[in-house]
Amino acid sequence: MSSSKSGSSGTTGKPAEAAEAGAPRRATAAARTAATARTAAAKAATARTAAPAKKAAARKASATGTSAAGTTAAEAAATGAKAPAGTGGPAKTRGPARTGGSAKNGGPAKASGRAKAPAKPESHLAMVRRARRINRELAEVYPYAHPELDFRNPFELLCATVLSAQTTDLRVNQTTPALFAAYPTPEDMAAAVPEEMEELIRPTGFFRAKTKSLLGLSAALRDEFGGEVPGRLDDLVKLPGVGRKTANVVLGNAFGVPGITVDTHFGRLVRRWKWTDEEDPVKVEAVVADIFPKSEWTMLSHRVIFHGRRVCHARKPACGACPIAPLCPSYGEGETDPEKARKLLKYEMGGQPGQRLSPPADYPGKPAPALGAG
């Protein structure tokens, strides 16, 4: 009995001791839980109190481009640093304009956005369409385009064109009245005294070489063509001092035979307009002849030359006053300011007398003054 009782009491005594020993631990855990709850509550209260201030700071940073850390987007872009995340500032800023360089080749850092693909080269068909549109536009600007040499017959036009080399049409027009009064026909000119002719045409420059050409072509007309100017290109280019340019001027304006006149103005403009990059006048003529129908050749020449003399000058084109600027791939080579460009316009477009002493009836400008008249 006693052994059984003692075993029973030994068995029931151990749980009591364990309970007494675990009580302090449970109290400690409860205290920690309570402390943690109080801390979380305090943090929540603090967050609720600080939220309005953070929102206000975020709105201010967004308006000024400044992050909470005090780094502006511009500064970050300049230094290569990243703006801190979650500060309310803009996520991305547009970098400077692309210059074509890259970090790999030592150029500036690549700007944001996709690289712009290079423009495709203009096709031949697109160039032809643009060229023909330029011709139509010039026809509206210069409906009065005409040869700017005074003449009354093919012989006078032939001589005037030979004299126009390396000088202005105005100076030729001021010189030829006295020349044709002294030598009205090829026979008369062929019999002229060289020194006397030189004095008459001296104002045009290179008067000795030009006198030789006039005497030679006059004698050829007298001896080979019965004193008449031929109406065929192959015959004209055989005359002394007469090349394709002079022949096309005579054919187009004295005989009504279409021709392209490639002078310095014409060659300069067709290259600026990217119709061709050829320098040789004969090759330029062939290229342009393929772009336009034959019926347009003579008037196209006048319009292009008119534009080259009045607007698209060699040294300082008046780009800002050019009526075909949207069609010109070389826009910007000259003055682009409209007011300054208008001051560069010549002849009737600039309110000045034209080149001819006897211009056509529909010419809107003033006649040129006679030699010595101003």
Protein backbone atom coordinates (compact mmCIF):
# COMPACT_ATOMS: atom_id res chain seq x y z
CA MET A 1 0.00 0.00 0.00
CA SER A 2 2.69 2.38 1.06
CA SER A 3 4.71 1.68 -2.04
CA SER A 4 1.69 2.30 -4.24
CA LYS A 5 0.88 5.59 -2.50
CA SER A 6 4.34 6.83 -2.65
CA GLY A 7 4.52 6.02 -6.34
CA SER A 8 1.33 7.89 -6.87
CA SER A 9 2.47 10.95 -4.99
CA GLY A 10 5.79 10.89 -6.93
CA THR A 11 3.85 10.87 -10.18
CA THR A 12 1.53 13.77 -9.38
CA GLY A 13 4.29 16.03 -7.92
CA LYS A 14 6.25 16.55 -11.21
CA PRO A 15 3.49 18.37 -13.19
CA ALA A 16 2.99 20.78 -10.36
CA GLU A 17 6.61 21.64 -10.29
CA ALA A 18 6.66 22.14 -14.09
CA ALA A 19 3.65 24.42 -13.91
CA GLU A 20 5.26 26.47 -11.21
CA ALA A 21 8.48 26.73 -13.33
CA GLY A 22 6.66 27.61 -16.66
CA ALA A 23 4.57 30.43 -15.22
CA PRO A 24 7.36 33.04 -15.36
CA ARG A 25 8.14 32.14 -18.99
CA ARG A 26 4.49 32.57 -20.07
CA ALA A 27 4.36 35.93 -18.35
CA THR A 28 7.51 37.05 -20.14
CA ALA A 29 6.14 35.97 -23.56
CA ALA A 30 2.89 37.79 -22.92
CA ALA A 31 4.78 40.88 -21.99
CA ARG A 32 6.79 40.73 -25.20
CA THR A 33 3.63 40.28 -27.28
CA ALA A 34 2.04 43.24 -25.60
CA ALA A 35 5.15 45.34 -26.16
CA THR A 36 5.23 44.38 -29.84
CA ALA A 37 1.60 45.36 -30.24
CA ARG A 38 2.23 48.70 -28.59
CA THR A 39 5.21 49.33 -30.89
CA ALA A 40 3.21 48.47 -34.04
CA ALA A 41 0.41 50.75 -32.90
CA ALA A 42 2.87 53.56 -32.33
CA LYS A 43 4.40 53.08 -35.80
CA ALA A 44 0.98 53.11 -37.41
CA ALA A 45 0.09 56.28 -35.62
CA THR A 46 3.37 57.85 -36.70
CA ALA A 47 2.78 56.80 -40.33
CA ARG A 48 -0.73 58.27 -40.30
CA THR A 49 0.64 61.50 -38.91
CA ALA A 50 3.51 61.71 -41.45
CA ALA A 51 1.46 60.71 -44.54
CA PRO A 52 0.17 64.23 -45.37
CA ALA A 53 3.68 65.65 -45.09
CA LYS A 54 5.11 62.98 -47.39
CA LYS A 55 2.37 63.57 -49.96
CA ALA A 56 3.04 67.31 -49.91
CA ALA A 57 6.76 66.71 -50.35
CA ALA A 58 6.07 64.35 -53.24
CA ARG A 59 3.86 66.91 -54.98
CA LYS A 60 6.55 69.58 -54.58
CA ALA A 61 9.28 67.26 -55.90
CA SER A 62 7.15 66.41 -58.95
CA ALA A 63 6.57 70.09 -59.72
CA THR A 64 10.22 71.10 -59.40
CA GLY A 65 11.86 67.92 -60.72
CA THR A 66 13.73 67.51 -57.41
CA SER A 67 13.92 64.20 -55.59
CA ALA A 68 13.59 63.80 -51.82
CA ALA A 69 17.33 63.24 -51.71
CA GLY A 70 17.83 66.73 -53.24
CA THR A 71 18.95 65.56 -56.71
CA THR A 72 17.17 67.17 -59.67
CA ALA A 73 16.40 65.14 -62.78
CA ALA A 74 18.63 67.45 -64.82
CA GLU A 75 21.50 66.92 -62.36
CA ALA A 76 20.95 63.18 -62.45
CA ALA A 77 21.00 63.23 -66.29
CA ALA A 78 24.14 65.37 -66.30
CA THR A 79 26.04 63.18 -63.84
CA GLY A 80 24.70 59.84 -64.97
CA ALA A 81 23.20 59.19 -61.50
CA LYS A 82 19.79 57.63 -61.07
CA ALA A 83 17.14 59.55 -59.21
CA PRO A 84 16.06 57.74 -56.03
CA ALA A 85 12.99 55.63 -56.56
CA GLY A 86 9.70 56.30 -54.83
CA THR A 87 10.33 59.99 -54.22
CA GLY A 88 7.55 61.37 -56.35
CA GLY A 89 9.89 62.78 -59.02
CA PRO A 90 9.50 62.00 -62.77
CA ALA A 91 10.45 58.45 -63.63
CA LYS A 92 12.24 59.43 -66.87
CA THR A 93 13.48 62.68 -68.39
CA ARG A 94 14.16 63.38 -72.06
CA GLY A 95 17.84 63.79 -72.72
CA PRO A 96 19.49 66.32 -75.07
CA ALA A 97 18.95 66.13 -78.81
CA ARG A 98 20.64 63.18 -80.47
CA THR A 99 23.88 64.07 -82.18
CA GLY A 100 24.61 60.74 -83.80
CA GLY A 101 27.33 59.70 -81.34
CA SER A 102 27.19 56.90 -78.79
CA ALA A 103 28.91 55.86 -75.61
CA LYS A 104 30.63 53.06 -77.51
CA ASN A 105 32.39 55.30 -79.99
CA GLY A 106 33.17 58.09 -77.57
CA GLY A 107 30.25 60.29 -78.57
CA PRO A 108 27.64 61.74 -76.24
CA ALA A 109 25.40 59.45 -74.29
CA LYS A 110 22.46 58.09 -76.21
CA ALA A 111 19.32 60.16 -75.72
CA SER A 112 16.11 58.55 -74.64
CA GLY A 113 13.82 57.28 -77.37
CA ARG A 114 14.36 55.11 -80.41
CA ALA A 115 17.04 56.13 -82.89
CA LYS A 116 15.66 57.84 -85.98
CA ALA A 117 16.23 55.84 -89.13
CA PRO A 118 18.26 57.64 -91.82
CA ALA A 119 16.19 59.11 -94.62
CA LYS A 120 15.94 56.92 -97.68
CA PRO A 121 17.66 58.20 -100.83
CA GLU A 122 15.27 59.87 -103.24
CA SER A 123 14.29 57.53 -106.04
CA HIS A 124 14.70 58.60 -109.65
CA LEU A 125 10.93 58.69 -110.09
CA ALA A 126 10.50 60.91 -107.03
CA MET A 127 13.20 63.24 -108.31
CA VAL A 128 11.53 63.52 -111.71
CA ARG A 129 8.19 64.34 -110.09
CA ARG A 130 9.81 66.97 -107.87
CA ALA A 131 11.68 68.48 -110.84
CA ARG A 132 8.51 68.78 -112.88
CA ARG A 133 6.71 70.35 -109.96
CA ILE A 134 9.53 72.91 -109.65
CA ASN A 135 9.04 73.74 -113.33
CA ARG A 136 5.29 74.24 -112.78
CA GLU A 137 5.91 76.45 -109.77
CA LEU A 138 8.45 78.56 -111.67
CA ALA A 139 5.96 78.94 -114.54
CA GLU A 140 3.56 80.60 -112.09
CA VAL A 141 6.27 82.84 -110.62
CA TYR A 142 7.73 83.87 -113.99
CA PRO A 143 4.92 83.75 -116.56
CA TYR A 144 6.81 86.46 -118.46
CA ALA A 145 10.13 84.56 -118.68
CA HIS A 146 11.91 85.36 -121.94
CA PRO A 147 15.39 85.65 -123.46
CA GLU A 148 17.04 88.67 -121.87
CA LEU A 149 18.96 89.74 -124.95
CA ASP A 150 17.54 92.37 -127.29
CA PHE A 151 17.29 91.14 -130.88
CA ARG A 152 15.14 91.61 -133.99
CA ASN A 153 16.27 88.65 -136.10
CA PRO A 154 18.32 85.43 -135.82
CA PHE A 155 21.55 87.17 -136.83
CA GLU A 156 21.28 89.76 -134.07
CA LEU A 157 20.45 87.07 -131.49
CA LEU A 158 23.42 84.98 -132.64
CA CYS A 159 25.83 87.91 -132.32
CA ALA A 160 24.38 89.05 -128.98
CA THR A 161 24.70 85.55 -127.54
CA VAL A 162 28.36 85.35 -128.56
CA LEU A 163 28.96 88.72 -126.91
CA SER A 164 27.21 87.64 -123.68
CA ALA A 165 30.08 85.37 -122.63
CA GLN A 166 31.68 86.57 -119.38
CA THR A 167 29.45 89.63 -119.07
CA THR A 168 25.85 90.59 -118.31
CA ASP A 169 22.98 90.65 -120.77
CA LEU A 170 22.45 94.27 -119.75
CA ARG A 171 25.91 95.27 -120.93
CA VAL A 172 25.39 93.40 -124.20
CA ASN A 173 22.04 95.10 -124.77
CA GLN A 174 23.63 98.49 -124.15
CA THR A 175 26.37 97.69 -126.67
CA THR A 176 24.59 96.03 -129.59
CA PRO A 177 22.54 99.02 -130.85
CA ALA A 178 25.69 100.73 -132.11
CA LEU A 179 27.12 97.44 -133.39
CA PHE A 180 24.05 96.54 -135.45
CA ALA A 181 23.68 100.08 -136.71
CA ALA A 182 27.21 99.80 -138.16
CA TYR A 183 26.91 96.16 -139.36
CA PRO A 184 23.27 95.17 -139.89
CA THR A 185 23.95 92.04 -142.00
CA PRO A 186 26.48 89.19 -142.04
CA GLU A 187 27.97 90.62 -145.22
CA ASP A 188 28.48 94.02 -143.58
CA MET A 189 30.02 92.53 -140.45
CA ALA A 190 32.31 90.21 -142.41
CA ALA A 191 33.80 93.27 -144.14
CA ALA A 192 34.33 95.25 -140.90
CA VAL A 193 37.70 96.65 -139.85
CA PRO A 194 38.68 94.63 -136.73
CA GLU A 195 39.96 97.64 -134.77
CA GLU A 196 36.74 99.55 -135.36
CA MET A 197 34.62 96.62 -134.22
CA GLU A 198 36.77 96.18 -131.13
CA GLU A 199 36.01 99.71 -130.04
CA LEU A 200 32.27 99.15 -130.44
CA ILE A 201 32.16 95.99 -128.35
CA ARG A 202 34.87 96.91 -125.82
CA PRO A 203 32.33 97.32 -122.95
CA THR A 204 31.50 93.61 -123.09
CA GLY A 205 35.03 92.51 -122.21
CA PHE A 206 37.33 90.10 -124.06
CA PHE A 207 36.63 92.31 -127.07
CA ARG A 208 39.52 91.08 -129.22
CA ALA A 209 38.50 87.40 -128.99
CA LYS A 210 34.85 88.32 -129.51
CA THR A 211 35.70 90.45 -132.54
CA LYS A 212 37.50 87.48 -134.07
CA SER A 213 34.44 85.25 -133.45
CA LEU A 214 31.99 87.76 -134.95
CA LEU A 215 34.12 88.28 -138.05
CA GLY A 216 34.53 84.53 -138.48
CA LEU A 217 30.87 83.57 -138.09
CA SER A 218 29.77 86.43 -140.35
CA ALA A 219 32.11 85.29 -143.09
CA ALA A 220 30.88 81.69 -142.68
CA LEU A 221 27.26 82.78 -142.91
CA ARG A 222 28.06 84.81 -146.04
CA ASP A 223 30.10 82.11 -147.73
CA GLU A 224 28.39 78.89 -146.64
CA PHE A 225 24.80 79.75 -145.83
CA GLY A 226 23.91 82.53 -148.23
CA GLY A 227 23.97 85.18 -145.53
CA GLU A 228 21.31 83.39 -143.46
CA VAL A 229 21.58 81.87 -140.01
CA PRO A 230 20.96 78.10 -140.28
CA GLY A 231 18.18 76.52 -138.25
CA ARG A 232 20.00 73.26 -137.44
CA LEU A 233 22.18 72.61 -134.40
CA ASP A 234 24.79 70.70 -136.39
CA ASP A 235 25.26 73.69 -138.70
CA LEU A 236 25.29 76.29 -135.95
CA VAL A 237 28.00 74.64 -133.87
CA LYS A 238 30.33 74.72 -136.89
CA LEU A 239 30.37 78.51 -136.83
CA PRO A 240 33.35 80.22 -135.08
CA GLY A 241 32.60 81.01 -131.43
CA VAL A 242 29.32 79.06 -131.41
CA GLY A 243 28.83 76.13 -129.04
CA ARG A 244 25.79 74.11 -127.98
CA LYS A 245 24.62 76.73 -125.50
CA THR A 246 24.63 79.52 -128.10
CA ALA A 247 23.08 77.24 -130.70
CA ASN A 248 20.23 76.24 -128.36
CA VAL A 249 19.55 79.89 -127.52
CA VAL A 250 19.23 80.73 -131.22
CA LEU A 251 17.20 77.63 -132.09
CA GLY A 252 14.77 78.01 -129.20
CA ASN A 253 14.17 81.75 -129.45
CA ALA A 254 14.66 82.59 -133.13
CA PHE A 255 13.41 79.39 -134.78
CA GLY A 256 11.07 77.84 -132.22
CA VAL A 257 13.13 74.64 -132.06
CA PRO A 258 13.18 73.31 -128.47
CA GLY A 259 16.56 73.45 -126.78
CA ILE A 260 18.06 73.45 -123.27
CA THR A 261 20.41 76.33 -122.50
CA VAL A 262 22.97 75.21 -119.92
CA ASP A 263 24.63 78.42 -118.79
CA THR A 264 26.25 78.99 -115.38
CA HIS A 265 22.89 79.74 -113.72
CA PHE A 266 21.17 76.69 -115.16
CA GLY A 267 23.99 74.34 -114.19
CA ARG A 268 24.21 75.73 -110.66
CA LEU A 269 20.51 75.39 -109.95
CA VAL A 270 19.98 71.90 -111.32
CA ARG A 271 22.83 70.71 -109.11
CA ARG A 272 21.36 72.47 -106.07
CA TRP A 273 18.03 70.84 -106.82
CA LYS A 274 19.75 67.44 -107.09
CA TRP A 275 18.54 66.78 -110.61
CA THR A 276 22.11 65.81 -111.45
CA ASP A 277 25.62 66.14 -110.09
CA GLU A 278 27.19 66.43 -113.53
CA GLU A 279 29.47 69.43 -114.17
CA ASP A 280 29.89 69.10 -117.93
CA PRO A 281 27.23 71.21 -119.73
CA VAL A 282 26.65 68.59 -122.41
CA LYS A 283 26.01 65.90 -119.81
CA VAL A 284 23.75 68.24 -117.82
CA GLU A 285 21.77 68.93 -120.98
CA ALA A 286 21.33 65.20 -121.63
CA VAL A 287 20.16 64.46 -118.07
CA VAL A 288 17.64 67.30 -118.01
CA ALA A 289 16.37 66.40 -121.48
CA ASP A 290 15.39 62.98 -120.09
CA ILE A 291 13.43 64.54 -117.22
CA PHE A 292 11.22 66.90 -119.24
CA PRO A 293 9.25 66.59 -122.44
CA LYS A 294 10.83 68.32 -125.42
CA SER A 295 8.06 70.91 -125.58
CA GLU A 296 9.22 72.30 -122.20
CA TRP A 297 12.93 72.64 -122.93
CA THR A 298 13.08 76.27 -124.09
CA MET A 299 10.76 77.75 -121.46
CA LEU A 300 12.29 75.60 -118.73
CA SER A 301 15.64 77.16 -119.59
CA HIS A 302 14.23 80.68 -119.30
CA ARG A 303 12.52 79.96 -115.97
CA VAL A 304 15.57 78.37 -114.39
CA ILE A 305 17.87 81.16 -115.59
CA PHE A 306 15.38 83.79 -114.41
CA HIS A 307 15.31 82.19 -110.98
CA GLY A 308 19.08 81.92 -110.81
CA ARG A 309 19.53 85.60 -111.65
CA ARG A 310 16.82 86.92 -109.35
CA VAL A 311 16.65 84.62 -106.31
CA CYS A 312 19.04 81.65 -106.26
CA HIS A 313 22.29 83.57 -106.55
CA ALA A 314 25.67 81.89 -106.66
CA ARG A 315 27.17 83.37 -103.51
CA LYS A 316 24.18 84.18 -101.33
CA PRO A 317 20.86 82.66 -102.38
CA ALA A 318 17.74 84.36 -101.03
CA CYS A 319 16.37 81.14 -99.48
CA GLY A 320 13.97 82.98 -97.17
CA ALA A 321 12.24 84.61 -100.15
CA CYS A 322 12.34 81.62 -102.50
CA PRO A 323 8.91 80.54 -103.81
CA ILE A 324 10.06 76.93 -104.27
CA ALA A 325 11.90 76.54 -100.95
CA PRO A 326 9.78 73.53 -99.86
CA LEU A 327 10.95 71.65 -102.97
CA CYS A 328 14.63 72.54 -102.65
CA PRO A 329 16.97 70.00 -100.98
CA SER A 330 19.62 72.74 -100.62
CA TYR A 331 17.43 75.13 -98.63
CA GLY A 332 19.53 76.90 -96.02
CA GLU A 333 22.65 77.45 -98.12
CA GLY A 334 21.71 81.11 -98.29
CA GLU A 335 19.88 83.71 -96.21
CA THR A 336 16.78 82.19 -94.57
CA ASP A 337 15.50 85.26 -92.76
CA PRO A 338 12.57 86.50 -94.89
CA GLU A 339 13.27 90.20 -94.42
CA LYS A 340 16.99 89.90 -95.15
CA ALA A 341 16.33 87.54 -98.07
CA ARG A 342 13.92 89.99 -99.73
CA LYS A 343 16.69 92.56 -99.83
CA LEU A 344 18.75 90.18 -101.97
CA LEU A 345 16.16 89.91 -104.74
CA LYS A 346 17.20 91.36 -108.10
CA TYR A 347 15.62 92.93 -111.17
CA GLU A 348 11.86 93.32 -111.22
CA MET A 349 11.39 91.23 -108.05
CA GLY A 350 13.55 93.76 -106.24
CA GLY A 351 11.96 96.74 -107.96
CA GLN A 352 14.93 97.27 -110.27
CA PRO A 353 15.15 97.68 -114.06
CA GLY A 354 15.54 94.48 -116.04
CA GLN A 355 18.26 93.53 -118.49
CA ARG A 356 16.57 94.54 -121.75
CA LEU A 357 16.28 97.99 -123.18
CA SER A 358 13.31 96.72 -125.20
CA PRO A 359 11.58 94.09 -123.02
CA PRO A 360 8.44 92.19 -124.07
CA ALA A 361 5.09 93.91 -123.53
CA ASP A 362 4.14 91.65 -120.61
CA TYR A 363 7.37 92.23 -118.69
CA PRO A 364 6.46 93.69 -115.27
CA GLY A 365 9.76 95.44 -114.64
CA LYS A 366 11.27 98.64 -115.94
CA PRO A 367 13.31 98.78 -119.17
CA ALA A 368 17.06 98.97 -118.71
CA PRO A 369 18.75 102.30 -119.35
CA ALA A 370 20.82 102.87 -122.48
CA LEU A 371 24.62 102.89 -122.26
CA GLY A 372 25.77 105.98 -120.38
CA ALA A 373 22.26 106.83 -119.18
CA GLY A 374 22.80 105.47 -115.66
